[in-house]
Protein backbone atom coordinates (compact mmCIF):
# COMPACT_ATOMS: atom_id res chain seq x y z
CA UNK A 1 -36.61 -13.94 27.94
CA UNK A 2 -33.47 -15.40 26.35
CA UNK A 3 -30.13 -14.26 27.80
CA UNK A 4 -27.33 -13.51 25.34
CA UNK A 5 -23.73 -14.23 26.29
CA UNK A 6 -21.97 -11.04 25.28
CA UNK A 7 -18.22 -10.48 25.69
CA UNK A 8 -17.08 -8.20 28.48
CA UNK A 9 -16.80 -4.55 27.44
CA UNK A 10 -13.29 -3.16 27.19
CA UNK A 11 -12.87 0.58 26.93
CA UNK A 12 -10.73 1.73 23.97
CA UNK A 13 -7.12 2.52 24.78
CA UNK A 14 -5.73 5.95 23.96
CA UNK A 15 -2.15 5.94 22.76
CA UNK A 16 -0.03 9.06 22.41
CA UNK A 17 3.17 9.38 20.43
CA UNK A 18 6.05 11.82 20.28
CA UNK A 19 7.12 13.32 16.95
CA UNK A 20 10.03 10.89 16.76
CA UNK A 21 7.77 7.87 17.40
CA UNK A 22 5.37 9.01 14.67
CA UNK A 23 8.22 9.37 12.20
CA UNK A 24 9.36 5.83 13.07
CA UNK A 25 5.88 4.33 12.69
CA UNK A 26 4.62 6.25 9.64
CA UNK A 27 7.69 7.47 7.81
CA UNK A 28 8.37 10.85 6.28
CA UNK A 29 5.83 10.52 3.45
CA UNK A 30 2.88 10.40 5.87
CA UNK A 31 4.06 12.96 8.41
CA UNK A 32 5.13 15.76 6.07
CA UNK A 33 8.70 15.83 7.37
CA UNK A 34 11.82 15.42 5.26
CA UNK A 35 14.93 15.38 7.45
CA UNK A 36 13.37 17.93 9.80
CA UNK A 37 12.19 20.35 7.09
CA UNK A 38 8.52 20.93 6.34
CA UNK A 39 7.01 20.15 2.96
CA UNK A 40 4.68 22.89 1.70
């Protein structure tokens, strides 16, 4: 039987963000916030 050289398995990393970090990364258009007010 032929052995295959597969890369080592790395488990996915789970990242969590605070509301402020999400606003920084995504911006107001993607989070539904406009200066702290909700868009309906």
